[in-house]
PDB file of N, CA and C in Angstrom:
ATOM      1  N   MET A   1       1.142  -1.346   0.097  1.00  0.00           N
ATOM      2  CA  MET A   1      -0.056   0.292  -0.507  1.00  0.00           C
ATOM      3  C   MET A   1       1.234   1.747  -0.266  1.00  0.00           C
ATOM      4  N   LEU A   2       1.471   1.427   0.562  1.00  0.00           N
ATOM      5  CA  LEU A   2       2.852   2.415   1.227  1.00  0.00           C
ATOM      6  C   LEU A   2       3.885   2.249  -0.279  1.00  0.00           C
ATOM      7  N   ASP A   3       3.523   1.725  -0.787  1.00  0.00           N
ATOM      8  CA  ASP A   3       4.577   1.120  -2.124  1.00  0.00           C
ATOM      9  C   ASP A   3       4.108   2.419  -2.933  1.00  0.00           C
ATOM     10  N   GLN A   4       2.622   2.363  -2.828  1.00  0.00           N
ATOM     11  CA  GLN A   4       2.392   3.187  -4.359  1.00  0.00           C
ATOM     12  C   GLN A   4       2.248   4.281  -4.067  1.00  0.00           C
ATOM     13  N   LEU A   5       2.274   5.155  -3.249  1.00  0.00           N
ATOM     14  CA  LEU A   5       2.289   6.326  -2.771  1.00  0.00           C
ATOM     15  C   LEU A   5       3.133   7.229  -3.389  1.00  0.00           C
ATOM     16  N   VAL A   6       2.456   8.314  -4.113  1.00  0.00           N
ATOM     17  CA  VAL A   6       3.045   9.309  -4.730  1.00  0.00           C
ATOM     18  C   VAL A   6       2.990  10.820  -4.169  1.00  0.00           C
ATOM     19  N   GLU A   7       4.156  11.026  -4.099  1.00  0.00           N
ATOM     20  CA  GLU A   7       4.141  12.402  -3.518  1.00  0.00           C
ATOM     21  C   GLU A   7       4.419  13.573  -5.097  1.00  0.00           C
ATOM     22  N   SER A   8       3.378  14.435  -4.980  1.00  0.00           N
ATOM     23  CA  SER A   8       3.421  15.170  -6.226  1.00  0.00           C
ATOM     24  C   SER A   8       4.103  16.701  -5.830  1.00  0.00           C
ATOM     25  N   ARG A   9       4.396  16.934  -4.344  1.00  0.00           N
ATOM     26  CA  ARG A   9       5.487  17.875  -4.649  1.00  0.00           C
ATOM     27  C   ARG A   9       7.075  17.979  -3.801  1.00  0.00           C
ATOM     28  N   ASN A  10       7.567  18.687  -4.134  1.00  0.00           N
ATOM     29  CA  ASN A  10       9.276  18.620  -3.685  1.00  0.00           C
ATOM     30  C   ASN A  10       9.054  19.474  -2.058  1.00  0.00           C
ATOM     31  N   THR A  11       9.161  18.844  -1.455  1.00  0.00           N
ATOM     32  CA  THR A  11       8.732  19.248   0.176  1.00  0.00           C
ATOM     33  C   THR A  11      10.160  19.495   0.971  1.00  0.00           C
ATOM     34  N   ARG A  12      11.258  19.913  -0.373  1.00  0.00           N
ATOM     35  CA  ARG A  12      12.969  20.205   1.050  1.00  0.00           C
ATOM     36  C   ARG A  12      12.685  21.439   1.039  1.00  0.00           C
ATOM     37  N   GLY A  13      12.670  22.464   0.808  1.00  0.00           N
ATOM     38  CA  GLY A  13      12.453  24.116   1.325  1.00  0.00           C
ATOM     39  C   GLY A  13      11.439  23.648   2.916  1.00  0.00           C
ATOM     40  N   GLU A  14      10.341  23.207   2.691  1.00  0.00           N
ATOM     41  CA  GLU A  14       9.179  23.199   4.046  1.00  0.00           C
ATOM     42  C   GLU A  14      10.046  22.278   5.199  1.00  0.00           C
ATOM     43  N   ASN A  15      10.668  21.421   4.427  1.00  0.00           N
ATOM     44  CA  ASN A  15      11.335  20.590   5.460  1.00  0.00           C
ATOM     45  C   ASN A  15      12.427  20.738   6.315  1.00  0.00           C
ATOM     46  N   THR A  16      13.570  22.022   5.360  1.00  0.00           N
ATOM     47  CA  THR A  16      14.210  22.710   5.628  1.00  0.00           C
ATOM     48  C   THR A  16      14.221  23.382   6.803  1.00  0.00           C
ATOM     49  N   ARG A  17      13.281  24.455   6.464  1.00  0.00           N
ATOM     50  CA  ARG A  17      12.363  25.249   7.207  1.00  0.00           C
ATOM     51  C   ARG A  17      12.096  24.638   8.580  1.00  0.00           C
ATOM     52  N   ARG A  18      11.602  23.661   8.628  1.00  0.00           N
ATOM     53  CA  ARG A  18      11.391  22.886  10.257  1.00  0.00           C
ATOM     54  C   ARG A  18      12.462  22.079  10.784  1.00  0.00           C
ATOM     55  N   SER A  19      13.118  22.059   9.941  1.00  0.00           N
ATOM     56  CA  SER A  19      14.445  21.660  10.752  1.00  0.00           C
ATOM     57  C   SER A  19      14.843  22.345  11.483  1.00  0.00           C
ATOM     58  N   GLY A  20      15.073  23.820  10.880  1.00  0.00           N
ATOM     59  CA  GLY A  20      15.515  24.586  11.398  1.00  0.00           C
ATOM     60  C   GLY A  20      14.408  25.273  12.402  1.00  0.00           C
ATOM     61  N   PHE A  21      13.852  25.207  12.576  1.00  0.00           N
ATOM     62  CA  PHE A  21      12.521  25.605  13.207  1.00  0.00           C
ATOM     63  C   PHE A  21      13.194  24.577  14.690  1.00  0.00           C
ATOM     64  N   PHE A  22      12.883  23.274  14.365  1.00  0.00           N
ATOM     65  CA  PHE A  22      13.515  22.440  16.024  1.00  0.00           C
ATOM     66  C   PHE A  22      14.273  22.742  16.458  1.00  0.00           C
ATOM     67  N   LEU A  23      15.674  22.745  15.477  1.00  0.00           N
ATOM     68  CA  LEU A  23      16.846  22.901  15.562  1.00  0.00           C
ATOM     69  C   LEU A  23      16.900  24.464  16.963  1.00  0.00           C
ATOM     70  N   THR A  24      16.289  25.419  16.336  1.00  0.00           N
ATOM     71  CA  THR A  24      16.267  26.927  17.065  1.00  0.00           C
ATOM     72  C   THR A  24      15.582  26.669  18.352  1.00  0.00           C
ATOM     73  N   THR A  25      14.104  25.628  18.113  1.00  0.00           N
ATOM     74  CA  THR A  25      13.452  25.506  19.419  1.00  0.00           C
ATOM     75  C   THR A  25      14.472  24.488  20.803  1.00  0.00           C
ATOM     76  N   PHE A  26      15.195  23.820  20.159  1.00  0.00           N
ATOM     77  CA  PHE A  26      15.981  22.686  20.632  1.00  0.00           C
ATOM     78  C   PHE A  26      17.089  23.440  21.423  1.00  0.00           C
ATOM     79  N   ILE A  27      17.794  24.383  21.109  1.00  0.00           N
ATOM     80  CA  ILE A  27      18.497  25.438  21.482  1.00  0.00           C
ATOM     81  C   ILE A  27      18.539  26.102  22.684  1.00  0.00           C
ATOM     82  N   LEU A  28      17.126  27.019  22.732  1.00  0.00           N
ATOM     83  CA  LEU A  28      16.315  27.915  23.109  1.00  0.00           C
ATOM     84  C   LEU A  28      16.081  27.423  24.285  1.00  0.00           C
ATOM     85  N   MET A  29      15.393  25.834  24.678  1.00  0.00           N
ATOM     86  CA  MET A  29      14.830  25.233  25.847  1.00  0.00           C
ATOM     87  C   MET A  29      15.848  24.362  26.479  1.00  0.00           C
ATOM     88  N   VAL A  30      17.143  24.141  25.612  1.00  0.00           N
ATOM     89  CA  VAL A  30      18.476  23.558  26.250  1.00  0.00           C
ATOM     90  C   VAL A  30      19.193  25.230  27.391  1.00  0.00           C
ATOM     91  N   SER A  31      18.826  26.323  26.308  1.00  0.00           N
ATOM     92  CA  SER A  31      19.701  27.331  27.018  1.00  0.00           C
ATOM     93  C   SER A  31      18.820  27.973  28.447  1.00  0.00           C
ATOM     94  N   ILE A  32      17.205  27.953  28.663  1.00  0.00           N
ATOM     95  CA  ILE A  32      16.723  27.835  29.246  1.00  0.00           C
ATOM     96  C   ILE A  32      16.701  26.947  30.479  1.00  0.00           C
ATOM     97  N   LEU A  33      16.293  25.876  30.315  1.00  0.00           N
ATOM     98  CA  LEU A  33      16.949  24.862  31.309  1.00  0.00           C
ATOM     99  C   LEU A  33      18.363  24.868  31.971  1.00  0.00           C
ATOM    100  N   LEU A  34      19.550  25.186  31.353  1.00  0.00           N
ATOM    101  CA  LEU A  34      21.027  25.353  31.983  1.00  0.00           C
ATOM    102  C   LEU A  34      20.546  26.633  32.926  1.00  0.00           C
ATOM    103  N   GLY A  35      20.220  27.806  32.072  1.00  0.00           N
ATOM    104  CA  GLY A  35      20.257  29.221  33.221  1.00  0.00           C
ATOM    105  C   GLY A  35      19.086  28.899  34.160  1.00  0.00           C
ATOM    106  N   GLY A  36      18.987  28.463  33.824  1.00  0.00           N
ATOM    107  CA  GLY A  36      17.786  27.742  35.498  1.00  0.00           C
ATOM    108  C   GLY A  36      18.200  27.105  36.503  1.00  0.00           C
ATOM    109  N   TRP A  37      18.627  25.855  35.584  1.00  0.00           N
ATOM    110  CA  TRP A  37      19.859  25.619  37.042  1.00  0.00           C
ATOM    111  C   TRP A  37      20.999  26.030  37.184  1.00  0.00           C
ATOM    112  N   VAL A  38      21.714  26.943  36.784  1.00  0.00           N
ATOM    113  CA  VAL A  38      22.792  27.381  37.324  1.00  0.00           C
ATOM    114  C   VAL A  38      22.163  28.751  37.882  1.00  0.00           C
ATOM    115  N   TYR A  39      20.496  29.382  37.801  1.00  0.00           N
ATOM    116  CA  TYR A  39      20.194  30.523  38.764  1.00  0.00           C
ATOM    117  C   TYR A  39      20.188  29.602  40.080  1.00  0.00           C
ATOM    118  N   SER A  40      19.120  28.841  39.799  1.00  0.00           N
ATOM    119  CA  SER A  40      19.373  28.015  41.263  1.00  0.00           C
ATOM    120  C   SER A  40      19.997  27.257  41.929  1.00  0.00           C
ATOM    121  N   LEU A  41      21.640  27.910  41.700  1.00  0.00           N
ATOM    122  CA  LEU A  41      22.510  26.798  42.153  1.00  0.00           C
ATOM    123  C   LEU A  41      23.251  27.943  43.152  1.00  0.00           C
ATOM    124  N   PHE A  42      23.103  29.270  42.416  1.00  0.00           N
ATOM    125  CA  PHE A  42      24.066  30.648  42.888  1.00  0.00           C
ATOM    126  C   PHE A  42      22.668  31.287  43.998  1.00  0.00           C
ATOM    127  N   ALA A  43      21.602  31.000  43.950  1.00  0.00           N
ATOM    128  CA  ALA A  43      20.972  31.356  44.667  1.00  0.00           C
ATOM    129  C   ALA A  43      20.307  31.216  45.730  1.00  0.00           C
ATOM    130  N   LYS A  44      21.094  30.114  46.129  1.00  0.00           N
ATOM    131  CA  LYS A  44      20.642  29.691  47.603  1.00  0.00           C
ATOM    132  C   LYS A  44      21.816  30.613  48.654  1.00  0.00           C
ATOM    133  N   ASP A  45      21.508  31.091  49.559  1.00  0.00           N
ATOM    134  CA  ASP A  45      22.629  31.794  50.387  1.00  0.00           C
ATOM    135  C   ASP A  45      23.046  30.656  51.515  1.00  0.00           C
ATOM    136  N   TYR A  46      23.790  29.960  51.581  1.00  0.00           N
ATOM    137  CA  TYR A  46      24.740  29.489  52.429  1.00  0.00           C
ATOM    138  C   TYR A  46      24.757  29.731  53.587  1.00  0.00           C
ATOM    139  N   GLY A  47      24.547  31.164  53.640  1.00  0.00           N
ATOM    140  CA  GLY A  47      25.346  31.451  54.809  1.00  0.00           C
ATOM    141  C   GLY A  47      27.404  31.595  54.968  1.00  0.00           C
ATOM    142  N   LEU A  48      27.530  31.364  54.464  1.00  0.00           N
ATOM    143  CA  LEU A  48      29.659  31.194  53.818  1.00  0.00           C
ATOM    144  C   LEU A  48      29.418  32.239  54.448  1.00  0.00           C
ATOM    145  N   GLY A  49      29.754  33.433  54.421  1.00  0.00           N
ATOM    146  CA  GLY A  49      30.004  34.642  54.438  1.00  0.00           C
ATOM    147  C   GLY A  49      29.637  35.101  55.916  1.00  0.00           C
ATOM    148  N   SER A  50      28.924  34.529  56.484  1.00  0.00           N
ATOM    149  CA  SER A  50      29.178  35.152  58.683  1.00  0.00           C
ATOM    150  C   SER A  50      29.741  35.895  59.274  1.00  0.00           C
ATOM    151  N   GLY A  51      30.848  35.132  58.893  1.00  0.00           N
ATOM    152  CA  GLY A  51      32.179  36.007  59.613  1.00  0.00           C
ATOM    153  C   GLY A  51      32.006  35.573  60.997  1.00  0.00           C
ATOM    154  N   ASP A  52      31.451  34.599  61.930  1.00  0.00           N
ATOM    155  CA  ASP A  52      31.173  33.951  62.775  1.00  0.00           C
ATOM    156  C   ASP A  52      32.261  32.898  63.459  1.00  0.00           C
ATOM    157  N   LEU A  53      32.799  32.208  62.047  1.00  0.00           N
ATOM    158  CA  LEU A  53      33.590  31.396  61.973  1.00  0.00           C
ATOM    159  C   LEU A  53      35.070  31.444  62.196  1.00  0.00           C
ATOM    160  N   GLU A  54      36.067  30.804  63.505  1.00  0.00           N
ATOM    161  CA  GLU A  54      37.188  31.447  63.629  1.00  0.00           C
ATOM    162  C   GLU A  54      37.944  29.703  63.224  1.00  0.00           C
ATOM    163  N   LEU A  55      39.619  30.523  62.922  1.00  0.00           N
ATOM    164  CA  LEU A  55      40.733  29.367  63.006  1.00  0.00           C
ATOM    165  C   LEU A  55      40.600  28.527  64.438  1.00  0.00           C
ATOM    166  N   SER A  56      40.871  29.017  65.189  1.00  0.00           N
ATOM    167  CA  SER A  56      41.092  28.199  66.482  1.00  0.00           C
ATOM    168  C   SER A  56      39.614  27.159  66.676  1.00  0.00           C
ATOM    169  N   GLU A  57      38.528  27.294  65.851  1.00  0.00           N
ATOM    170  CA  GLU A  57      37.573  26.502  65.916  1.00  0.00           C
ATOM    171  C   GLU A  57      37.680  25.036  65.167  1.00  0.00           C
ATOM    172  N   LEU A  58      38.664  25.630  63.960  1.00  0.00           N
ATOM    173  CA  LEU A  58      38.308  24.475  63.169  1.00  0.00           C
ATOM    174  C   LEU A  58      39.708  23.628  63.515  1.00  0.00           C
ATOM    175  N   VAL A  59      40.981  24.494  63.762  1.00  0.00           N
ATOM    176  CA  VAL A  59      42.404  23.293  64.322  1.00  0.00           C
ATOM    177  C   VAL A  59      42.327  23.430  65.576  1.00  0.00           C
ATOM    178  N   LYS A  60      41.292  22.952  66.599  1.00  0.00           N
ATOM    179  CA  LYS A  60      41.439  22.437  68.074  1.00  0.00           C
ATOM    180  C   LYS A  60      41.934  20.886  68.344  1.00  0.00           C
ATOM    181  N   ARG A  61      42.783  21.538  69.183  1.00  0.00           N
ATOM    182  CA  ARG A  61      43.389  19.844  69.412  1.00  0.00           C
ATOM    183  C   ARG A  61      42.610  19.209  70.256  1.00  0.00           C
ATOM    184  N   PRO A  62      42.814  17.861  70.055  1.00  0.00           N
ATOM    185  CA  PRO A  62      41.560  16.767  70.612  1.00  0.00           C
ATOM    186  C   PRO A  62      41.669  16.497  72.324  1.00  0.00           C
ATOM    187  N   LEU A  63      40.669  16.621  72.592  1.00  0.00           N
ATOM    188  CA  LEU A  63      40.222  16.729  74.107  1.00  0.00           C
ATOM    189  C   LEU A  63      41.145  15.081  74.739  1.00  0.00           C
ATOM    190  N   ASN A  64      41.652  15.300  75.874  1.00  0.00           N
ATOM    191  CA  ASN A  64      42.742  14.008  76.552  1.00  0.00           C
ATOM    192  C   ASN A  64      40.896  13.560  77.374  1.00  0.00           C
ATOM    193  N   ARG A  65      41.530  12.602  77.712  1.00  0.00           N
ATOM    194  CA  ARG A  65      40.193  11.990  78.939  1.00  0.00           C
ATOM    195  C   ARG A  65      40.050  12.855  79.944  1.00  0.00           C
ATOM    196  N   LEU A  66      41.468  13.671  80.509  1.00  0.00           N
ATOM    197  CA  LEU A  66      40.566  14.802  81.809  1.00  0.00           C
ATOM    198  C   LEU A  66      39.765  16.001  81.117  1.00  0.00           C
ATOM    199  N   MET A  67      40.076  16.094  80.431  1.00  0.00           N
ATOM    200  CA  MET A  67      39.458  17.254  79.926  1.00  0.00           C
ATOM    201  C   MET A  67      37.869  17.361  79.097  1.00  0.00           C
ATOM    202  N   ARG A  68      37.941  15.466  78.816  1.00  0.00           N
ATOM    203  CA  ARG A  68      36.823  15.645  78.278  1.00  0.00           C
ATOM    204  C   ARG A  68      35.565  15.234  80.159  1.00  0.00           C
ATOM    205  N   LEU A  69      36.374  14.729  81.162  1.00  0.00           N
ATOM    206  CA  LEU A  69      35.188  14.210  81.918  1.00  0.00           C
ATOM    207  C   LEU A  69      34.985  16.214  82.641  1.00  0.00           C
ATOM    208  N   GLU A  70      36.161  17.218  82.853  1.00  0.00           N
ATOM    209  CA  GLU A  70      36.168  18.002  83.289  1.00  0.00           C
ATOM    210  C   GLU A  70      34.466  18.926  82.455  1.00  0.00           C
ATOM    211  N   LEU A  71      34.661  18.771  81.127  1.00  0.00           N
ATOM    212  CA  LEU A  71      33.434  18.999  80.634  1.00  0.00           C
ATOM    213  C   LEU A  71      32.453  18.701  80.083  1.00  0.00           C
ATOM    214  N   TYR A  72      32.168  16.919  80.727  1.00  0.00           N
ATOM    215  CA  TYR A  72      31.226  16.523  81.119  1.00  0.00           C
ATOM    216  C   TYR A  72      30.606  16.689  82.439  1.00  0.00           C
ATOM    217  N   LYS A  73      31.913  17.177  83.362  1.00  0.00           N
ATOM    218  CA  LYS A  73      30.976  17.337  84.466  1.00  0.00           C
ATOM    219  C   LYS A  73      30.594  18.919  84.934  1.00  0.00           C
ATOM    220  N   THR A  74      31.108  19.873  84.113  1.00  0.00           N
ATOM    221  CA  THR A  74      30.220  21.185  83.909  1.00  0.00           C
ATOM    222  C   THR A  74      29.191  21.021  83.322  1.00  0.00           C
ATOM    223  N   ARG A  75      28.727  20.219  82.562  1.00  0.00           N
ATOM    224  CA  ARG A  75      27.514  20.016  81.968  1.00  0.00           C
ATOM    225  C   ARG A  75      26.569  19.439  82.734  1.00  0.00           C
ATOM    226  N   LEU A  76      27.089  18.986  83.693  1.00  0.00           N
ATOM    227  CA  LEU A  76      26.155  17.766  84.416  1.00  0.00           C
ATOM    228  C   LEU A  76      25.973  18.647  86.264  1.00  0.00           C
ATOM    229  N   ASN A  77      26.603  19.650  86.003  1.00  0.00           N
ATOM    230  CA  ASN A  77      26.972  20.452  87.572  1.00  0.00           C
ATOM    231  C   ASN A  77      27.275  19.586  88.342  1.00  0.00           C
ATOM    232  N   LEU A  78      28.820  18.808  88.489  1.00  0.00           N
ATOM    233  CA  LEU A  78      29.324  17.864  89.242  1.00  0.00           C
ATOM    234  C   LEU A  78      30.092  18.510  90.062  1.00  0.00           C
ATOM    235  N   PRO A  79      30.544  17.967  90.678  1.00  0.00           N
ATOM    236  CA  PRO A  79      31.589  18.616  91.953  1.00  0.00           C
ATOM    237  C   PRO A  79      32.614  19.551  91.224  1.00  0.00           C
ATOM    238  N   ALA A  80      33.469  20.657  91.493  1.00  0.00           N
ATOM    239  CA  ALA A  80      34.359  20.960  90.461  1.00  0.00           C
ATOM    240  C   ALA A  80      35.732  20.291  90.431  1.00  0.00           C
ATOM    241  N   LYS A  81      36.235  19.891  91.131  1.00  0.00           N
ATOM    242  CA  LYS A  81      37.570  18.688  91.083  1.00  0.00           C
ATOM    243  C   LYS A  81      37.237  17.824  90.315  1.00  0.00           C
ATOM    244  N   VAL A  82      38.370  17.629  89.646  1.00  0.00           N
ATOM    245  CA  VAL A  82      38.655  16.051  88.403  1.00  0.00           C
ATOM    246  C   VAL A  82      38.575  14.883  89.410  1.00  0.00           C
ATOM    247  N   SER A  83      39.558  14.855  90.607  1.00  0.00           N
ATOM    248  CA  SER A  83      40.104  13.973  91.349  1.00  0.00           C
ATOM    249  C   SER A  83      38.682  13.672  92.441  1.00  0.00           C
ATOM    250  N   GLU A  84      37.742  14.508  92.502  1.00  0.00           N
ATOM    251  CA  GLU A  84      37.201  13.896  93.729  1.00  0.00           C
ATOM    252  C   GLU A  84      36.000  12.578  92.449  1.00  0.00           C
ATOM    253  N   LEU A  85      35.980  12.850  91.541  1.00  0.00           N
ATOM    254  CA  LEU A  85      35.279  11.570  90.159  1.00  0.00           C
ATOM    255  C   LEU A  85      36.148  10.519  90.241  1.00  0.00           C
ATOM    256  N   LEU A  86      37.830  10.453  90.495  1.00  0.00           N
ATOM    257  CA  LEU A  86      38.159   9.473  90.832  1.00  0.00           C
ATOM    258  C   LEU A  86      38.404   8.634  92.029  1.00  0.00           C
TER     259      LEU A  86
END
């Protein structure tokens, strides 16, 4: 049935115009999507420039056992001397 189809006119110009339209639409949609993605990526405020971060907080030395006991004690309002706990 389709092998007997006769095309009566040349549609090369129309097809070229249509493919140009699809290419333009595709490029426009990709540009809009990428632009929205980049905008949403940089529109979020993470508060990195708040200024309350100190270098001493980043490079603290690890707590030893006595320091941890004292810290734990101050949170629980225990006696002031570490020797009283031992």
